[in-house]
């Protein structure tokens, strides 16, 4: 699957039995399919370096970036903001 932000090929990684896609060679984004995020809780998430890299990587979330579409079905994605601490 190609990253919806930078178009690099994403790699699948297993985090406590939940397989998610990581943009390892690009923007460090993490793609969760439907309900994958809810399967991970703080005690078992095990993201370690992948999550730290994603949070530390400079974002390209400027207004000039344009619409990002789902890499699986093509529908437009909506922005989601959250505050995470690690």
PDB file of N, CA and C in Angstrom:
ATOM      1  N   UNK A   1       0.857  -1.173   0.000  1.00  0.00           N
ATOM      2  CA  UNK A   1       0.000   0.000   0.000  1.00  0.00           C
ATOM      3  C   UNK A   1       0.897   1.227   0.000  1.00  0.00           C
ATOM      4  N   UNK A   2       0.514   2.234  -0.752  1.00  0.00           N
ATOM      5  CA  UNK A   2       1.259   3.495  -0.806  1.00  0.00           C
ATOM      6  C   UNK A   2       0.734   4.452   0.261  1.00  0.00           C
ATOM      7  N   UNK A   3       1.647   5.189   0.868  1.00  0.00           N
ATOM      8  CA  UNK A   3       1.290   6.177   1.883  1.00  0.00           C
ATOM      9  C   UNK A   3       0.419   7.261   1.238  1.00  0.00           C
ATOM     10  N   UNK A   4      -0.699   7.627   1.868  1.00  0.00           N
ATOM     11  CA  UNK A   4      -1.561   8.653   1.284  1.00  0.00           C
ATOM     12  C   UNK A   4      -0.959  10.050   1.343  1.00  0.00           C
ATOM     13  N   UNK A   5       0.085  10.251   2.130  1.00  0.00           N
ATOM     14  CA  UNK A   5       0.698  11.569   2.260  1.00  0.00           C
ATOM     15  C   UNK A   5       1.887  11.734   1.315  1.00  0.00           C
ATOM     16  N   UNK A   6       2.862  10.792   1.374  1.00  0.00           N
ATOM     17  CA  UNK A   6       4.098  10.976   0.612  1.00  0.00           C
ATOM     18  C   UNK A   6       4.262   9.983  -0.533  1.00  0.00           C
ATOM     19  N   UNK A   7       3.343   9.032  -0.667  1.00  0.00           N
ATOM     20  CA  UNK A   7       3.321   8.046  -1.747  1.00  0.00           C
ATOM     21  C   UNK A   7       4.426   6.989  -1.682  1.00  0.00           C
ATOM     22  N   UNK A   8       5.186   6.933  -0.585  1.00  0.00           N
ATOM     23  CA  UNK A   8       6.167   5.857  -0.410  1.00  0.00           C
ATOM     24  C   UNK A   8       5.428   4.558  -0.097  1.00  0.00           C
ATOM     25  N   UNK A   9       6.042   3.442  -0.404  1.00  0.00           N
ATOM     26  CA  UNK A   9       5.447   2.141  -0.090  1.00  0.00           C
ATOM     27  C   UNK A   9       5.487   1.923   1.420  1.00  0.00           C
ATOM     28  N   UNK A  10       4.354   1.543   1.996  1.00  0.00           N
ATOM     29  CA  UNK A  10       4.280   1.303   3.430  1.00  0.00           C
ATOM     30  C   UNK A  10       4.595  -0.163   3.712  1.00  0.00           C
ATOM     31  N   UNK A  11       5.112  -0.437   4.915  1.00  0.00           N
ATOM     32  CA  UNK A  11       5.416  -1.804   5.318  1.00  0.00           C
ATOM     33  C   UNK A  11       4.529  -2.186   6.488  1.00  0.00           C
ATOM     34  N   UNK A  12       4.133  -3.436   6.521  1.00  0.00           N
ATOM     35  CA  UNK A  12       3.262  -3.918   7.582  1.00  0.00           C
ATOM     36  C   UNK A  12       4.101  -4.373   8.769  1.00  0.00           C
ATOM     37  N   UNK A  13       3.706  -3.938   9.971  1.00  0.00           N
ATOM     38  CA  UNK A  13       4.368  -4.357  11.191  1.00  0.00           C
ATOM     39  C   UNK A  13       3.326  -4.827  12.190  1.00  0.00           C
ATOM     40  N   UNK A  14       3.710  -5.789  12.989  1.00  0.00           N
ATOM     41  CA  UNK A  14       2.823  -6.363  13.994  1.00  0.00           C
ATOM     42  C   UNK A  14       3.094  -5.706  15.332  1.00  0.00           C
ATOM     43  N   UNK A  15       2.046  -5.170  15.941  1.00  0.00           N
ATOM     44  CA  UNK A  15       2.132  -4.568  17.264  1.00  0.00           C
ATOM     45  C   UNK A  15       1.151  -5.287  18.169  1.00  0.00           C
ATOM     46  N   UNK A  16       1.638  -6.258  18.894  1.00  0.00           N
ATOM     47  CA  UNK A  16       0.785  -6.983  19.825  1.00  0.00           C
ATOM     48  C   UNK A  16      -0.377  -7.687  19.171  1.00  0.00           C
ATOM     49  N   UNK A  17      -0.164  -8.284  17.996  1.00  0.00           N
ATOM     50  CA  UNK A  17      -1.224  -8.995  17.303  1.00  0.00           C
ATOM     51  C   UNK A  17      -2.052  -8.147  16.367  1.00  0.00           C
ATOM     52  N   UNK A  18      -1.789  -6.856  16.317  1.00  0.00           N
ATOM     53  CA  UNK A  18      -2.488  -5.958  15.401  1.00  0.00           C
ATOM     54  C   UNK A  18      -1.489  -5.511  14.344  1.00  0.00           C
ATOM     55  N   UNK A  19      -1.796  -5.789  13.075  1.00  0.00           N
ATOM     56  CA  UNK A  19      -0.897  -5.422  11.984  1.00  0.00           C
ATOM     57  C   UNK A  19      -1.300  -4.064  11.434  1.00  0.00           C
ATOM     58  N   UNK A  20      -0.354  -3.136  11.460  1.00  0.00           N
ATOM     59  CA  UNK A  20      -0.599  -1.787  10.941  1.00  0.00           C
ATOM     60  C   UNK A  20       0.452  -1.482   9.883  1.00  0.00           C
ATOM     61  N   UNK A  21       0.168  -0.504   9.051  1.00  0.00           N
ATOM     62  CA  UNK A  21       1.093  -0.097   7.994  1.00  0.00           C
ATOM     63  C   UNK A  21       1.892   1.110   8.456  1.00  0.00           C
ATOM     64  N   UNK A  22       3.209   1.051   8.241  1.00  0.00           N
ATOM     65  CA  UNK A  22       4.123   2.108   8.654  1.00  0.00           C
ATOM     66  C   UNK A  22       4.817   2.668   7.416  1.00  0.00           C
ATOM     67  N   UNK A  23       4.895   3.982   7.317  1.00  0.00           N
ATOM     68  CA  UNK A  23       5.625   4.625   6.228  1.00  0.00           C
ATOM     69  C   UNK A  23       7.077   4.776   6.683  1.00  0.00           C
ATOM     70  N   UNK A  24       7.769   3.660   6.709  1.00  0.00           N
ATOM     71  CA  UNK A  24       9.123   3.579   7.272  1.00  0.00           C
ATOM     72  C   UNK A  24      10.141   4.402   6.495  1.00  0.00           C
ATOM     73  N   UNK A  25      10.050   4.412   5.171  1.00  0.00           N
ATOM     74  CA  UNK A  25      11.039   5.106   4.346  1.00  0.00           C
ATOM     75  C   UNK A  25      10.579   6.477   3.861  1.00  0.00           C
ATOM     76  N   UNK A  26       9.442   6.932   4.373  1.00  0.00           N
ATOM     77  CA  UNK A  26       8.918   8.226   3.941  1.00  0.00           C
ATOM     78  C   UNK A  26       8.639   9.131   5.124  1.00  0.00           C
ATOM     79  N   UNK A  27       7.373   9.507   5.278  1.00  0.00           N
ATOM     80  CA  UNK A  27       6.976  10.505   6.273  1.00  0.00           C
ATOM     81  C   UNK A  27       6.784   9.944   7.675  1.00  0.00           C
ATOM     82  N   UNK A  28       7.010   8.645   7.867  1.00  0.00           N
ATOM     83  CA  UNK A  28       6.903   7.971   9.173  1.00  0.00           C
ATOM     84  C   UNK A  28       5.464   7.850   9.657  1.00  0.00           C
ATOM     85  N   UNK A  29       4.505   8.044   8.767  1.00  0.00           N
ATOM     86  CA  UNK A  29       3.103   7.941   9.141  1.00  0.00           C
ATOM     87  C   UNK A  29       2.722   6.521   9.524  1.00  0.00           C
ATOM     88  N   UNK A  30       1.667   6.392  10.297  1.00  0.00           N
ATOM     89  CA  UNK A  30       1.142   5.099  10.705  1.00  0.00           C
ATOM     90  C   UNK A  30      -0.301   5.014  10.235  1.00  0.00           C
ATOM     91  N   UNK A  31      -0.633   3.964   9.469  1.00  0.00           N
ATOM     92  CA  UNK A  31      -1.978   3.782   8.935  1.00  0.00           C
ATOM     93  C   UNK A  31      -2.684   2.698   9.729  1.00  0.00           C
ATOM     94  N   UNK A  32      -3.835   3.055  10.279  1.00  0.00           N
ATOM     95  CA  UNK A  32      -4.678   2.097  10.985  1.00  0.00           C
ATOM     96  C   UNK A  32      -5.899   1.814  10.131  1.00  0.00           C
ATOM     97  N   UNK A  33      -6.140   0.544   9.819  1.00  0.00           N
ATOM     98  CA  UNK A  33      -7.399   0.173   9.186  1.00  0.00           C
ATOM     99  C   UNK A  33      -8.506   0.306  10.227  1.00  0.00           C
ATOM    100  N   UNK A  34      -9.733   0.201   9.755  1.00  0.00           N
ATOM    101  CA  UNK A  34     -10.894   0.349  10.622  1.00  0.00           C
ATOM    102  C   UNK A  34     -10.744  -0.506  11.880  1.00  0.00           C
ATOM    103  N   UNK A  35     -10.902   0.073  13.018  1.00  0.00           N
ATOM    104  CA  UNK A  35     -10.906  -0.527  14.358  1.00  0.00           C
ATOM    105  C   UNK A  35      -9.555  -1.034  14.857  1.00  0.00           C
ATOM    106  N   UNK A  36      -8.480  -0.896  14.070  1.00  0.00           N
ATOM    107  CA  UNK A  36      -7.175  -1.367  14.557  1.00  0.00           C
ATOM    108  C   UNK A  36      -6.692  -0.561  15.755  1.00  0.00           C
ATOM    109  N   UNK A  37      -6.864   0.742  15.706  1.00  0.00           N
ATOM    110  CA  UNK A  37      -6.399   1.578  16.814  1.00  0.00           C
ATOM    111  C   UNK A  37      -7.113   1.218  18.103  1.00  0.00           C
ATOM    112  N   UNK A  38      -8.387   0.912  18.026  1.00  0.00           N
ATOM    113  CA  UNK A  38      -9.129   0.587  19.236  1.00  0.00           C
ATOM    114  C   UNK A  38      -8.697  -0.755  19.837  1.00  0.00           C
ATOM    115  N   UNK A  39      -8.034  -1.592  19.055  1.00  0.00           N
ATOM    116  CA  UNK A  39      -7.554  -2.876  19.560  1.00  0.00           C
ATOM    117  C   UNK A  39      -6.273  -2.737  20.376  1.00  0.00           C
ATOM    118  N   UNK A  40      -5.661  -1.571  20.293  1.00  0.00           N
ATOM    119  CA  UNK A  40      -4.419  -1.323  21.026  1.00  0.00           C
ATOM    120  C   UNK A  40      -4.730  -0.464  22.232  1.00  0.00           C
ATOM    121  N   UNK A  41      -4.307  -0.901  23.385  1.00  0.00           N
ATOM    122  CA  UNK A  41      -4.457  -0.055  24.561  1.00  0.00           C
ATOM    123  C   UNK A  41      -3.062   0.321  25.039  1.00  0.00           C
ATOM    124  N   UNK A  42      -2.982   1.250  25.964  1.00  0.00           N
ATOM    125  CA  UNK A  42      -1.684   1.740  26.423  1.00  0.00           C
ATOM    126  C   UNK A  42      -0.792   0.620  26.936  1.00  0.00           C
ATOM    127  N   UNK A  43      -1.368  -0.351  27.592  1.00  0.00           N
ATOM    128  CA  UNK A  43      -0.578  -1.430  28.167  1.00  0.00           C
ATOM    129  C   UNK A  43       0.041  -2.326  27.096  1.00  0.00           C
ATOM    130  N   UNK A  44      -0.647  -2.484  25.953  1.00  0.00           N
ATOM    131  CA  UNK A  44      -0.203  -3.445  24.949  1.00  0.00           C
ATOM    132  C   UNK A  44       0.178  -2.837  23.608  1.00  0.00           C
ATOM    133  N   UNK A  45       0.238  -1.515  23.492  1.00  0.00           N
ATOM    134  CA  UNK A  45       0.420  -0.955  22.162  1.00  0.00           C
ATOM    135  C   UNK A  45       1.780  -1.272  21.561  1.00  0.00           C
ATOM    136  N   UNK A  46       2.853  -1.249  22.324  1.00  0.00           N
ATOM    137  CA  UNK A  46       4.145  -1.696  21.839  1.00  0.00           C
ATOM    138  C   UNK A  46       4.698  -0.954  20.640  1.00  0.00           C
ATOM    139  N   UNK A  47       4.297   0.288  20.420  1.00  0.00           N
ATOM    140  CA  UNK A  47       4.764   1.007  19.244  1.00  0.00           C
ATOM    141  C   UNK A  47       6.206   1.464  19.352  1.00  0.00           C
ATOM    142  N   UNK A  48       6.682   1.747  20.548  1.00  0.00           N
ATOM    143  CA  UNK A  48       8.075   2.115  20.745  1.00  0.00           C
ATOM    144  C   UNK A  48       8.592   3.118  19.744  1.00  0.00           C
ATOM    145  N   UNK A  49       9.629   2.725  18.999  1.00  0.00           N
ATOM    146  CA  UNK A  49      10.302   3.628  18.074  1.00  0.00           C
ATOM    147  C   UNK A  49       9.414   4.087  16.923  1.00  0.00           C
ATOM    148  N   UNK A  50       8.521   3.244  16.432  1.00  0.00           N
ATOM    149  CA  UNK A  50       7.666   3.638  15.303  1.00  0.00           C
ATOM    150  C   UNK A  50       6.798   4.829  15.671  1.00  0.00           C
ATOM    151  N   UNK A  51       6.198   4.801  16.849  1.00  0.00           N
ATOM    152  CA  UNK A  51       5.355   5.910  17.275  1.00  0.00           C
ATOM    153  C   UNK A  51       6.191   7.155  17.553  1.00  0.00           C
ATOM    154  N   UNK A  52       7.331   6.993  18.187  1.00  0.00           N
ATOM    155  CA  UNK A  52       8.207   8.138  18.465  1.00  0.00           C
ATOM    156  C   UNK A  52       8.659   8.801  17.168  1.00  0.00           C
ATOM    157  N   UNK A  53       9.062   7.998  16.169  1.00  0.00           N
ATOM    158  CA  UNK A  53       9.475   8.551  14.876  1.00  0.00           C
ATOM    159  C   UNK A  53       8.328   9.302  14.203  1.00  0.00           C
ATOM    160  N   UNK A  54       7.139   8.729  14.249  1.00  0.00           N
ATOM    161  CA  UNK A  54       5.985   9.378  13.622  1.00  0.00           C
ATOM    162  C   UNK A  54       5.671  10.716  14.280  1.00  0.00           C
ATOM    163  N   UNK A  55       5.743  10.753  15.611  1.00  0.00           N
ATOM    164  CA  UNK A  55       5.429  11.992  16.328  1.00  0.00           C
ATOM    165  C   UNK A  55       6.515  13.044  16.171  1.00  0.00           C
ATOM    166  N   UNK A  56       7.766  12.618  16.027  1.00  0.00           N
ATOM    167  CA  UNK A  56       8.881  13.549  15.911  1.00  0.00           C
ATOM    168  C   UNK A  56       9.112  14.042  14.487  1.00  0.00           C
ATOM    169  N   UNK A  57       8.586  13.345  13.487  1.00  0.00           N
ATOM    170  CA  UNK A  57       8.850  13.686  12.098  1.00  0.00           C
ATOM    171  C   UNK A  57       8.119  14.979  11.735  1.00  0.00           C
ATOM    172  N   UNK A  58       8.797  15.902  11.033  1.00  0.00           N
ATOM    173  CA  UNK A  58       8.119  17.155  10.644  1.00  0.00           C
ATOM    174  C   UNK A  58       6.897  16.874   9.774  1.00  0.00           C
ATOM    175  N   UNK A  59       5.797  17.478  10.107  1.00  0.00           N
ATOM    176  CA  UNK A  59       4.545  17.276   9.385  1.00  0.00           C
ATOM    177  C   UNK A  59       4.457  18.181   8.176  1.00  0.00           C
ATOM    178  N   UNK A  60       3.744  17.710   7.178  1.00  0.00           N
ATOM    179  CA  UNK A  60       3.470  18.499   5.977  1.00  0.00           C
ATOM    180  C   UNK A  60       1.986  18.810   5.937  1.00  0.00           C
ATOM    181  N   UNK A  61       1.458  19.285   7.049  1.00  0.00           N
ATOM    182  CA  UNK A  61       0.018  19.524   7.158  1.00  0.00           C
ATOM    183  C   UNK A  61      -0.355  20.963   6.835  1.00  0.00           C
ATOM    184  N   UNK A  62       0.285  21.543   5.837  1.00  0.00           N
ATOM    185  CA  UNK A  62      -0.064  22.914   5.496  1.00  0.00           C
ATOM    186  C   UNK A  62      -1.309  22.949   4.623  1.00  0.00           C
ATOM    187  N   UNK A  63      -1.895  24.123   4.516  1.00  0.00           N
ATOM    188  CA  UNK A  63      -3.144  24.283   3.781  1.00  0.00           C
ATOM    189  C   UNK A  63      -2.976  24.090   2.277  1.00  0.00           C
ATOM    190  N   UNK A  64      -1.746  24.185   1.780  1.00  0.00           N
ATOM    191  CA  UNK A  64      -1.492  24.063   0.346  1.00  0.00           C
ATOM    192  C   UNK A  64      -1.296  22.613  -0.104  1.00  0.00           C
ATOM    193  N   UNK A  65      -1.326  21.670   0.829  1.00  0.00           N
ATOM    194  CA  UNK A  65      -1.037  20.281   0.499  1.00  0.00           C
ATOM    195  C   UNK A  65      -2.101  19.660  -0.391  1.00  0.00           C
ATOM    196  N   UNK A  66      -3.314  20.066  -0.249  1.00  0.00           N
ATOM    197  CA  UNK A  66      -4.390  19.482  -1.047  1.00  0.00           C
ATOM    198  C   UNK A  66      -5.039  18.297  -0.350  1.00  0.00           C
ATOM    199  N   UNK A  67      -6.059  17.757  -0.981  1.00  0.00           N
ATOM    200  CA  UNK A  67      -6.828  16.658  -0.423  1.00  0.00           C
ATOM    201  C   UNK A  67      -6.014  15.376  -0.406  1.00  0.00           C
ATOM    202  N   UNK A  68      -6.136  14.618   0.673  1.00  0.00           N
ATOM    203  CA  UNK A  68      -5.530  13.296   0.776  1.00  0.00           C
ATOM    204  C   UNK A  68      -6.654  12.279   0.705  1.00  0.00           C
ATOM    205  N   UNK A  69      -6.466  11.265  -0.122  1.00  0.00           N
ATOM    206  CA  UNK A  69      -7.483  10.233  -0.290  1.00  0.00           C
ATOM    207  C   UNK A  69      -7.040   8.926   0.345  1.00  0.00           C
ATOM    208  N   UNK A  70      -7.999   8.135   0.741  1.00  0.00           N
ATOM    209  CA  UNK A  70      -7.735   6.818   1.314  1.00  0.00           C
ATOM    210  C   UNK A  70      -6.964   5.984   0.296  1.00  0.00           C
ATOM    211  N   UNK A  71      -5.850   5.366   0.705  1.00  0.00           N
ATOM    212  CA  UNK A  71      -5.073   4.558  -0.240  1.00  0.00           C
ATOM    213  C   UNK A  71      -5.751   3.238  -0.598  1.00  0.00           C
ATOM    214  N   UNK A  72      -6.802   2.883   0.115  1.00  0.00           N
ATOM    215  CA  UNK A  72      -7.494   1.625  -0.167  1.00  0.00           C
ATOM    216  C   UNK A  72      -8.746   1.816  -1.015  1.00  0.00           C
ATOM    217  N   UNK A  73      -9.551   2.841  -0.703  1.00  0.00           N
ATOM    218  CA  UNK A  73     -10.812   2.997  -1.444  1.00  0.00           C
ATOM    219  C   UNK A  73     -10.915   4.319  -2.203  1.00  0.00           C
ATOM    220  N   UNK A  74     -10.008   5.257  -1.950  1.00  0.00           N
ATOM    221  CA  UNK A  74      -9.988   6.500  -2.692  1.00  0.00           C
ATOM    222  C   UNK A  74     -10.864   7.625  -2.171  1.00  0.00           C
ATOM    223  N   UNK A  75     -11.665   7.401  -1.127  1.00  0.00           N
ATOM    224  CA  UNK A  75     -12.503   8.490  -0.625  1.00  0.00           C
ATOM    225  C   UNK A  75     -11.639   9.514   0.108  1.00  0.00           C
ATOM    226  N   UNK A  76     -12.056  10.777   0.116  1.00  0.00           N
ATOM    227  CA  UNK A  76     -11.280  11.821   0.795  1.00  0.00           C
ATOM    228  C   UNK A  76     -11.188  11.554   2.297  1.00  0.00           C
ATOM    229  N   UNK A  77     -10.009  11.794   2.841  1.00  0.00           N
ATOM    230  CA  UNK A  77      -9.792  11.663   4.281  1.00  0.00           C
ATOM    231  C   UNK A  77     -10.046  12.997   4.955  1.00  0.00           C
ATOM    232  N   UNK A  78     -10.399  12.952   6.222  1.00  0.00           N
ATOM    233  CA  UNK A  78     -10.627  14.145   7.017  1.00  0.00           C
ATOM    234  C   UNK A  78      -9.518  14.280   8.041  1.00  0.00           C
ATOM    235  N   UNK A  79      -9.154  15.502   8.356  1.00  0.00           N
ATOM    236  CA  UNK A  79      -8.109  15.756   9.341  1.00  0.00           C
ATOM    237  C   UNK A  79      -8.592  15.354  10.717  1.00  0.00           C
ATOM    238  N   UNK A  80      -7.693  14.784  11.498  1.00  0.00           N
ATOM    239  CA  UNK A  80      -7.985  14.398  12.880  1.00  0.00           C
ATOM    240  C   UNK A  80      -6.836  14.891  13.740  1.00  0.00           C
ATOM    241  N   UNK A  81      -7.133  15.661  14.740  1.00  0.00           N
ATOM    242  CA  UNK A  81      -6.097  16.180  15.626  1.00  0.00           C
ATOM    243  C   UNK A  81      -6.186  15.479  16.966  1.00  0.00           C
ATOM    244  N   UNK A  82      -5.039  15.155  17.503  1.00  0.00           N
ATOM    245  CA  UNK A  82      -5.009  14.559  18.833  1.00  0.00           C
ATOM    246  C   UNK A  82      -3.702  14.972  19.510  1.00  0.00           C
ATOM    247  N   UNK A  83      -3.696  14.871  20.803  1.00  0.00           N
ATOM    248  CA  UNK A  83      -2.500  15.178  21.560  1.00  0.00           C
ATOM    249  C   UNK A  83      -2.032  13.897  22.225  1.00  0.00           C
ATOM    250  N   UNK A  84      -0.821  13.503  21.888  1.00  0.00           N
ATOM    251  CA  UNK A  84      -0.237  12.306  22.475  1.00  0.00           C
ATOM    252  C   UNK A  84       1.014  12.689  23.238  1.00  0.00           C
ATOM    253  N   UNK A  85       1.252  12.023  24.330  1.00  0.00           N
ATOM    254  CA  UNK A  85       2.502  12.233  25.054  1.00  0.00           C
ATOM    255  C   UNK A  85       3.186  10.891  25.190  1.00  0.00           C
ATOM    256  N   UNK A  86       4.481  10.939  25.171  1.00  0.00           N
ATOM    257  CA  UNK A  86       5.259   9.713  25.317  1.00  0.00           C
ATOM    258  C   UNK A  86       6.474   9.980  26.149  1.00  0.00           C
TER     259      UNK A  86
END
